[in-house]
C-alpha atoms as a PDB file:
ATOM      1  CA  UNK A   1      16.586 -28.454  37.129  1.00  0.00           C
ATOM      2  CA  UNK A   2      14.801 -29.923  40.156  1.00  0.00           C
ATOM      3  CA  UNK A   3      14.626 -33.450  38.753  1.00  0.00           C
ATOM      4  CA  UNK A   4      13.340 -35.141  41.884  1.00  0.00           C
ATOM      5  CA  UNK A   5      10.579 -32.543  42.216  1.00  0.00           C
ATOM      6  CA  UNK A   6       9.589 -33.235  38.608  1.00  0.00           C
ATOM      7  CA  UNK A   7       9.363 -36.961  39.368  1.00  0.00           C
ATOM      8  CA  UNK A   8       7.317 -36.200  42.490  1.00  0.00           C
ATOM      9  CA  UNK A   9       4.919 -34.027  40.501  1.00  0.00           C
ATOM     10  CA  UNK A  10       4.498 -36.667  37.774  1.00  0.00           C
ATOM     11  CA  UNK A  11       3.975 -39.405  40.369  1.00  0.00           C
ATOM     12  CA  UNK A  12       1.234 -37.409  42.082  1.00  0.00           C
ATOM     13  CA  UNK A  13      -0.327 -36.619  38.711  1.00  0.00           C
ATOM     14  CA  UNK A  14      -0.395 -40.307  37.779  1.00  0.00           C
ATOM     15  CA  UNK A  15      -2.579 -40.908  40.850  1.00  0.00           C
ATOM     16  CA  UNK A  16      -4.749 -37.813  40.292  1.00  0.00           C
ATOM     17  CA  UNK A  17      -4.936 -37.433  36.539  1.00  0.00           C
ATOM     18  CA  UNK A  18      -7.809 -34.970  36.381  1.00  0.00           C
ATOM     19  CA  UNK A  19      -8.302 -31.382  35.297  1.00  0.00           C
ATOM     20  CA  UNK A  20      -9.340 -30.389  38.816  1.00  0.00           C
ATOM     21  CA  UNK A  21      -6.099 -31.660  40.365  1.00  0.00           C
ATOM     22  CA  UNK A  22      -4.032 -30.109  37.589  1.00  0.00           C
ATOM     23  CA  UNK A  23      -5.707 -26.724  38.049  1.00  0.00           C
ATOM     24  CA  UNK A  24      -4.667 -26.757  41.698  1.00  0.00           C
ATOM     25  CA  UNK A  25      -1.104 -27.733  40.830  1.00  0.00           C
ATOM     26  CA  UNK A  26      -0.600 -25.793  37.610  1.00  0.00           C
ATOM     27  CA  UNK A  27       1.895 -23.347  39.205  1.00  0.00           C
ATOM     28  CA  UNK A  28       4.167 -26.335  39.970  1.00  0.00           C
ATOM     29  CA  UNK A  29       3.771 -27.566  36.410  1.00  0.00           C
ATOM     30  CA  UNK A  30       4.662 -24.197  34.893  1.00  0.00           C
ATOM     31  CA  UNK A  31       7.851 -23.922  36.946  1.00  0.00           C
ATOM     32  CA  UNK A  32       8.905 -27.475  36.113  1.00  0.00           C
ATOM     33  CA  UNK A  33       8.050 -27.016  32.440  1.00  0.00           C
ATOM     34  CA  UNK A  34      10.229 -23.921  32.289  1.00  0.00           C
ATOM     35  CA  UNK A  35      13.094 -25.782  33.984  1.00  0.00           C
ATOM     36  CA  UNK A  36      12.726 -28.704  31.577  1.00  0.00           C
ATOM     37  CA  UNK A  37      12.745 -26.325  28.612  1.00  0.00           C
ATOM     38  CA  UNK A  38      15.971 -24.796  29.925  1.00  0.00           C
ATOM     39  CA  UNK A  39      17.472 -28.283  30.268  1.00  0.00           C
ATOM     40  CA  UNK A  40      16.540 -29.077  26.662  1.00  0.00           C
ATOM     41  CA  UNK A  41      18.157 -25.803  25.533  1.00  0.00           C
ATOM     42  CA  UNK A  42      21.350 -26.764  27.370  1.00  0.00           C
ATOM     43  CA  UNK A  43      21.283 -30.270  25.890  1.00  0.00           C
ATOM     44  CA  UNK A  44      20.871 -28.792  22.383  1.00  0.00           C
ATOM     45  CA  UNK A  45      23.920 -26.601  23.003  1.00  0.00           C
ATOM     46  CA  UNK A  46      25.884 -29.602  24.280  1.00  0.00           C
ATOM     47  CA  UNK A  47      24.941 -31.805  21.320  1.00  0.00           C
ATOM     48  CA  UNK A  48      25.851 -28.992  18.913  1.00  0.00           C
ATOM     49  CA  UNK A  49      29.509 -29.373  19.907  1.00  0.00           C
ATOM     50  CA  UNK A  50      29.649 -32.735  18.106  1.00  0.00           C
ATOM     51  CA  UNK A  51      26.541 -32.471  15.868  1.00  0.00           C
ATOM     52  CA  UNK A  52      26.218 -28.867  14.608  1.00  0.00           C
ATOM     53  CA  UNK A  53      23.169 -29.834  12.525  1.00  0.00           C
ATOM     54  CA  UNK A  54      20.902 -29.497  15.602  1.00  0.00           C
ATOM     55  CA  UNK A  55      22.282 -26.144  16.746  1.00  0.00           C
ATOM     56  CA  UNK A  56      19.239 -24.234  15.461  1.00  0.00           C
ATOM     57  CA  UNK A  57      16.701 -26.563  17.081  1.00  0.00           C
ATOM     58  CA  UNK A  58      14.215 -24.559  19.170  1.00  0.00           C
ATOM     59  CA  UNK A  59      13.987 -25.943  22.712  1.00  0.00           C
ATOM     60  CA  UNK A  60      10.316 -25.016  23.130  1.00  0.00           C
ATOM     61  CA  UNK A  61       9.380 -26.659  19.843  1.00  0.00           C
ATOM     62  CA  UNK A  62      11.408 -29.753  20.765  1.00  0.00           C
ATOM     63  CA  UNK A  63       9.089 -30.467  23.703  1.00  0.00           C
ATOM     64  CA  UNK A  64       6.124 -32.777  23.257  1.00  0.00           C
ATOM     65  CA  UNK A  65       2.652 -31.680  24.278  1.00  0.00           C
ATOM     66  CA  UNK A  66       1.717 -32.471  27.868  1.00  0.00           C
ATOM     67  CA  UNK A  67      -2.001 -32.694  27.154  1.00  0.00           C
ATOM     68  CA  UNK A  68      -3.109 -36.015  25.686  1.00  0.00           C
ATOM     69  CA  UNK A  69      -5.045 -36.170  22.423  1.00  0.00           C
ATOM     70  CA  UNK A  70      -8.364 -37.690  23.525  1.00  0.00           C
ATOM     71  CA  UNK A  71     -10.196 -37.520  20.193  1.00  0.00           C
ATOM     72  CA  UNK A  72      -9.782 -41.204  19.327  1.00  0.00           C
ATOM     73  CA  UNK A  73      -8.863 -42.646  22.736  1.00  0.00           C
ATOM     74  CA  UNK A  74     -10.944 -44.658  25.177  1.00  0.00           C
ATOM     75  CA  UNK A  75      -8.483 -43.558  27.882  1.00  0.00           C
ATOM     76  CA  UNK A  76      -9.902 -40.235  29.052  1.00  0.00           C
ATOM     77  CA  UNK A  77      -7.011 -39.193  31.301  1.00  0.00           C
ATOM     78  CA  UNK A  78      -6.187 -35.662  30.113  1.00  0.00           C
ATOM     79  CA  UNK A  79      -2.450 -35.480  30.845  1.00  0.00           C
ATOM     80  CA  UNK A  80       0.673 -37.439  30.035  1.00  0.00           C
ATOM     81  CA  UNK A  81       2.765 -38.582  32.972  1.00  0.00           C
ATOM     82  CA  UNK A  82       6.161 -37.775  31.471  1.00  0.00           C
ATOM     83  CA  UNK A  83       8.111 -34.792  30.202  1.00  0.00           C
ATOM     84  CA  UNK A  84       9.610 -35.562  26.796  1.00  0.00           C
ATOM     85  CA  UNK A  85      11.706 -33.970  24.079  1.00  0.00           C
ATOM     86  CA  UNK A  86      13.030 -34.845  20.609  1.00  0.00           C
ATOM     87  CA  UNK A  87      15.965 -32.842  19.275  1.00  0.00           C
ATOM     88  CA  UNK A  88      16.311 -32.938  15.482  1.00  0.00           C
ATOM     89  CA  UNK A  89      18.088 -30.998  12.755  1.00  0.00           C
ATOM     90  CA  UNK A  90      14.752 -30.442  11.005  1.00  0.00           C
ATOM     91  CA  UNK A  91      13.040 -29.099  14.112  1.00  0.00           C
ATOM     92  CA  UNK A  92      10.246 -31.684  13.680  1.00  0.00           C
ATOM     93  CA  UNK A  93       9.682 -33.804  16.774  1.00  0.00           C
ATOM     94  CA  UNK A  94       8.384 -36.963  15.107  1.00  0.00           C
ATOM     95  CA  UNK A  95      10.472 -39.089  12.695  1.00  0.00           C
ATOM     96  CA  UNK A  96       7.183 -40.666  11.544  1.00  0.00           C
ATOM     97  CA  UNK A  97       6.342 -37.230  10.122  1.00  0.00           C
ATOM     98  CA  UNK A  98       9.641 -37.029   8.254  1.00  0.00           C
ATOM     99  CA  UNK A  99      11.561 -35.275  10.995  1.00  0.00           C
ATOM    100  CA  UNK A 100      14.702 -37.333  10.442  1.00  0.00           C
ATOM    101  CA  UNK A 101      16.949 -38.792  13.161  1.00  0.00           C
ATOM    102  CA  UNK A 102      16.282 -37.556  16.688  1.00  0.00           C
ATOM    103  CA  UNK A 103      17.954 -37.387  20.059  1.00  0.00           C
ATOM    104  CA  UNK A 104      15.017 -38.256  22.318  1.00  0.00           C
ATOM    105  CA  UNK A 105      14.575 -38.474  26.071  1.00  0.00           C
ATOM    106  CA  UNK A 106      11.818 -38.455  28.639  1.00  0.00           C
ATOM    107  CA  UNK A 107      11.427 -38.624  32.404  1.00  0.00           C
ATOM    108  CA  UNK A 108       8.369 -40.424  33.746  1.00  0.00           C
ATOM    109  CA  UNK A 109       6.403 -40.750  36.976  1.00  0.00           C
ATOM    110  CA  UNK A 110       8.504 -43.712  38.155  1.00  0.00           C
ATOM    111  CA  UNK A 111      11.724 -41.730  37.825  1.00  0.00           C
ATOM    112  CA  UNK A 112      12.728 -43.593  34.670  1.00  0.00           C
ATOM    113  CA  UNK A 113      14.966 -41.712  32.266  1.00  0.00           C
ATOM    114  CA  UNK A 114      14.421 -43.125  28.785  1.00  0.00           C
ATOM    115  CA  UNK A 115      17.099 -42.204  26.213  1.00  0.00           C
ATOM    116  CA  UNK A 116      16.871 -42.987  22.508  1.00  0.00           C
ATOM    117  CA  UNK A 117      18.538 -41.912  19.270  1.00  0.00           C
ATOM    118  CA  UNK A 118      17.786 -42.611  15.629  1.00  0.00           C
ATOM    119  CA  UNK A 119      14.513 -42.820  13.716  1.00  0.00           C
ATOM    120  CA  UNK A 120      11.446 -44.417  15.267  1.00  0.00           C
ATOM    121  CA  UNK A 121       8.722 -45.322  12.772  1.00  0.00           C
ATOM    122  CA  UNK A 122       9.931 -43.250   9.786  1.00  0.00           C
ATOM    123  CA  UNK A 123       7.461 -42.825   6.895  1.00  0.00           C
ATOM    124  CA  UNK A 124       7.621 -45.376   4.020  1.00  0.00           C
ATOM    125  CA  UNK A 125       9.822 -43.366   1.671  1.00  0.00           C
ATOM    126  CA  UNK A 126      12.324 -42.545   4.377  1.00  0.00           C
ATOM    127  CA  UNK A 127      12.318 -46.130   5.675  1.00  0.00           C
ATOM    128  CA  UNK A 128      13.100 -47.459   2.215  1.00  0.00           C
ATOM    129  CA  UNK A 129      15.942 -44.945   1.822  1.00  0.00           C
ATOM    130  CA  UNK A 130      17.462 -46.054   5.133  1.00  0.00           C
ATOM    131  CA  UNK A 131      17.252 -49.698   4.108  1.00  0.00           C
ATOM    132  CA  UNK A 132      18.773 -48.953   0.707  1.00  0.00           C
ATOM    133  CA  UNK A 133      21.669 -47.086   2.316  1.00  0.00           C
ATOM    134  CA  UNK A 134      22.239 -50.085   4.568  1.00  0.00           C
ATOM    135  CA  UNK A 135      22.518 -52.268   1.453  1.00  0.00           C
ATOM    136  CA  UNK A 136      24.707 -49.780  -0.414  1.00  0.00           C
ATOM    137  CA  UNK A 137      27.170 -49.433   2.456  1.00  0.00           C
ATOM    138  CA  UNK A 138      26.869 -52.681   4.421  1.00  0.00           C
ATOM    139  CA  UNK A 139      30.472 -52.491   5.648  1.00  0.00           C
ATOM    140  CA  UNK A 140      30.059 -48.907   6.856  1.00  0.00           C
ATOM    141  CA  UNK A 141      26.884 -49.872   8.695  1.00  0.00           C
ATOM    142  CA  UNK A 142      28.702 -52.751  10.365  1.00  0.00           C
ATOM    143  CA  UNK A 143      31.580 -50.500  11.405  1.00  0.00           C
ATOM    144  CA  UNK A 144      29.148 -48.143  13.134  1.00  0.00           C
ATOM    145  CA  UNK A 145      27.252 -50.935  14.903  1.00  0.00           C
ATOM    146  CA  UNK A 146      30.440 -52.528  16.216  1.00  0.00           C
ATOM    147  CA  UNK A 147      31.954 -49.328  17.601  1.00  0.00           C
ATOM    148  CA  UNK A 148      33.000 -50.160  21.177  1.00  0.00           C
ATOM    149  CA  UNK A 149      31.469 -47.000  22.658  1.00  0.00           C
ATOM    150  CA  UNK A 150      28.095 -47.528  20.991  1.00  0.00           C
ATOM    151  CA  UNK A 151      28.077 -51.176  22.013  1.00  0.00           C
ATOM    152  CA  UNK A 152      29.056 -50.424  25.612  1.00  0.00           C
ATOM    153  CA  UNK A 153      26.450 -47.655  25.965  1.00  0.00           C
ATOM    154  CA  UNK A 154      23.449 -49.114  24.123  1.00  0.00           C
ATOM    155  CA  UNK A 155      24.180 -52.616  22.899  1.00  0.00           C
ATOM    156  CA  UNK A 156      22.332 -53.605  19.714  1.00  0.00           C
ATOM    157  CA  UNK A 157      19.589 -51.724  17.873  1.00  0.00           C
ATOM    158  CA  UNK A 158      16.053 -51.898  19.237  1.00  0.00           C
ATOM    159  CA  UNK A 159      14.259 -54.875  17.687  1.00  0.00           C
ATOM    160  CA  UNK A 160      10.738 -54.423  19.000  1.00  0.00           C
ATOM    161  CA  UNK A 161       9.081 -53.866  15.632  1.00  0.00           C
ATOM    162  CA  UNK A 162      10.225 -56.049  12.731  1.00  0.00           C
ATOM    163  CA  UNK A 163       8.927 -57.708   9.575  1.00  0.00           C
ATOM    164  CA  UNK A 164       8.598 -61.479   9.386  1.00  0.00           C
ATOM    165  CA  UNK A 165       9.890 -61.525   5.795  1.00  0.00           C
ATOM    166  CA  UNK A 166      12.383 -59.390   3.835  1.00  0.00           C
ATOM    167  CA  UNK A 167      10.911 -56.000   2.913  1.00  0.00           C
ATOM    168  CA  UNK A 168       9.470 -55.693  -0.585  1.00  0.00           C
ATOM    169  CA  UNK A 169      12.204 -55.162  -3.174  1.00  0.00           C
ATOM    170  CA  UNK A 170      15.021 -56.543  -0.979  1.00  0.00           C
ATOM    171  CA  UNK A 171      16.456 -60.027  -1.576  1.00  0.00           C
ATOM    172  CA  UNK A 172      16.531 -62.609   1.184  1.00  0.00           C
ATOM    173  CA  UNK A 173      20.290 -63.191   0.796  1.00  0.00           C
ATOM    174  CA  UNK A 174      21.406 -59.598   1.445  1.00  0.00           C
ATOM    175  CA  UNK A 175      23.853 -58.870   4.293  1.00  0.00           C
ATOM    176  CA  UNK A 176      22.313 -57.713   7.565  1.00  0.00           C
ATOM    177  CA  UNK A 177      18.890 -59.070   6.615  1.00  0.00           C
ATOM    178  CA  UNK A 178      17.710 -58.929  10.244  1.00  0.00           C
ATOM    179  CA  UNK A 179      18.341 -55.179  10.257  1.00  0.00           C
ATOM    180  CA  UNK A 180      16.625 -54.696   6.890  1.00  0.00           C
ATOM    181  CA  UNK A 181      13.478 -56.114   8.496  1.00  0.00           C
ATOM    182  CA  UNK A 182      13.409 -53.388  11.139  1.00  0.00           C
ATOM    183  CA  UNK A 183      10.659 -50.757  10.979  1.00  0.00           C
ATOM    184  CA  UNK A 184      12.585 -48.403  13.261  1.00  0.00           C
ATOM    185  CA  UNK A 185      16.307 -47.721  13.490  1.00  0.00           C
ATOM    186  CA  UNK A 186      17.031 -46.651  17.052  1.00  0.00           C
ATOM    187  CA  UNK A 187      19.283 -47.332  19.982  1.00  0.00           C
ATOM    188  CA  UNK A 188      17.775 -46.918  23.449  1.00  0.00           C
ATOM    189  CA  UNK A 189      18.607 -47.122  27.127  1.00  0.00           C
ATOM    190  CA  UNK A 190      16.634 -46.888  30.377  1.00  0.00           C
ATOM    191  CA  UNK A 191      18.127 -45.295  33.464  1.00  0.00           C
ATOM    192  CA  UNK A 192      16.589 -45.127  36.939  1.00  0.00           C
ATOM    193  CA  UNK A 193      16.975 -41.668  38.478  1.00  0.00           C
ATOM    194  CA  UNK A 194      17.312 -41.135  42.210  1.00  0.00           C
ATOM    195  CA  UNK A 195      18.906 -38.706  44.653  1.00  0.00           C
ATOM    196  CA  UNK A 196      22.391 -40.061  43.927  1.00  0.00           C
ATOM    197  CA  UNK A 197      22.398 -39.540  40.162  1.00  0.00           C
ATOM    198  CA  UNK A 198      19.706 -36.916  39.431  1.00  0.00           C
ATOM    199  CA  UNK A 199      22.267 -34.072  39.687  1.00  0.00           C
ATOM    200  CA  UNK A 200      24.208 -35.716  36.839  1.00  0.00           C
ATOM    201  CA  UNK A 201      21.186 -35.808  34.490  1.00  0.00           C
ATOM    202  CA  UNK A 202      22.722 -33.513  31.875  1.00  0.00           C
ATOM    203  CA  UNK A 203      26.026 -35.381  31.784  1.00  0.00           C
ATOM    204  CA  UNK A 204      24.200 -38.733  31.562  1.00  0.00           C
ATOM    205  CA  UNK A 205      22.322 -37.481  28.521  1.00  0.00           C
ATOM    206  CA  UNK A 206      25.509 -36.220  26.907  1.00  0.00           C
ATOM    207  CA  UNK A 207      27.337 -39.483  27.495  1.00  0.00           C
ATOM    208  CA  UNK A 208      24.616 -41.390  25.654  1.00  0.00           C
ATOM    209  CA  UNK A 209      23.934 -38.898  22.870  1.00  0.00           C
ATOM    210  CA  UNK A 210      27.631 -38.519  22.130  1.00  0.00           C
ATOM    211  CA  UNK A 211      27.988 -42.291  21.880  1.00  0.00           C
ATOM    212  CA  UNK A 212      24.959 -42.413  19.561  1.00  0.00           C
ATOM    213  CA  UNK A 213      26.144 -39.650  17.235  1.00  0.00           C
ATOM    214  CA  UNK A 214      27.903 -41.842  14.596  1.00  0.00           C
ATOM    215  CA  UNK A 215      24.747 -43.927  14.336  1.00  0.00           C
ATOM    216  CA  UNK A 216      22.536 -40.818  14.079  1.00  0.00           C
END
């Protein structure tokens, strides 16, 4: 896909986030959206080589809406300034809706490629099940976290949203207590795209998603 043109379009949109500007530039959007959908389809096919569970994921349904939901927002800008996708075995885009672990990425107006894998904000029942599995197989969890490839590609799990105390029903002396306090279980990486690396976008995604697969 024309990655740099996508970044250019999103950058211009971020400065002119109005329906009038979008109407004038909608043909550009439609072309770029189709290219992004094709990229997602290719990424699904690539991931399926090591994670067959996502092979039936629909590329169009894996894309997030471009129009912002303004019903409860004071920010009246009508459009998002990124193209984003979540690839899951369930076909649901949002782990918070019970979609399960996802391979997620987006490209924004600053040319930032954001890559993530795992479950962000899973619903209460699912979150408790993840925590219980961590307790039941603490050694297996540790083996995954310490895999050299995962460590070299992502480092530690994202810790941006944690409890101050142990979650209800979990003792304070359990192994990996810091991880039990997490509300999301994801690895993530940010990558700046430019003319030198944009042509390698698909291979960059595969490098990271392949490394994340044991954790997913």
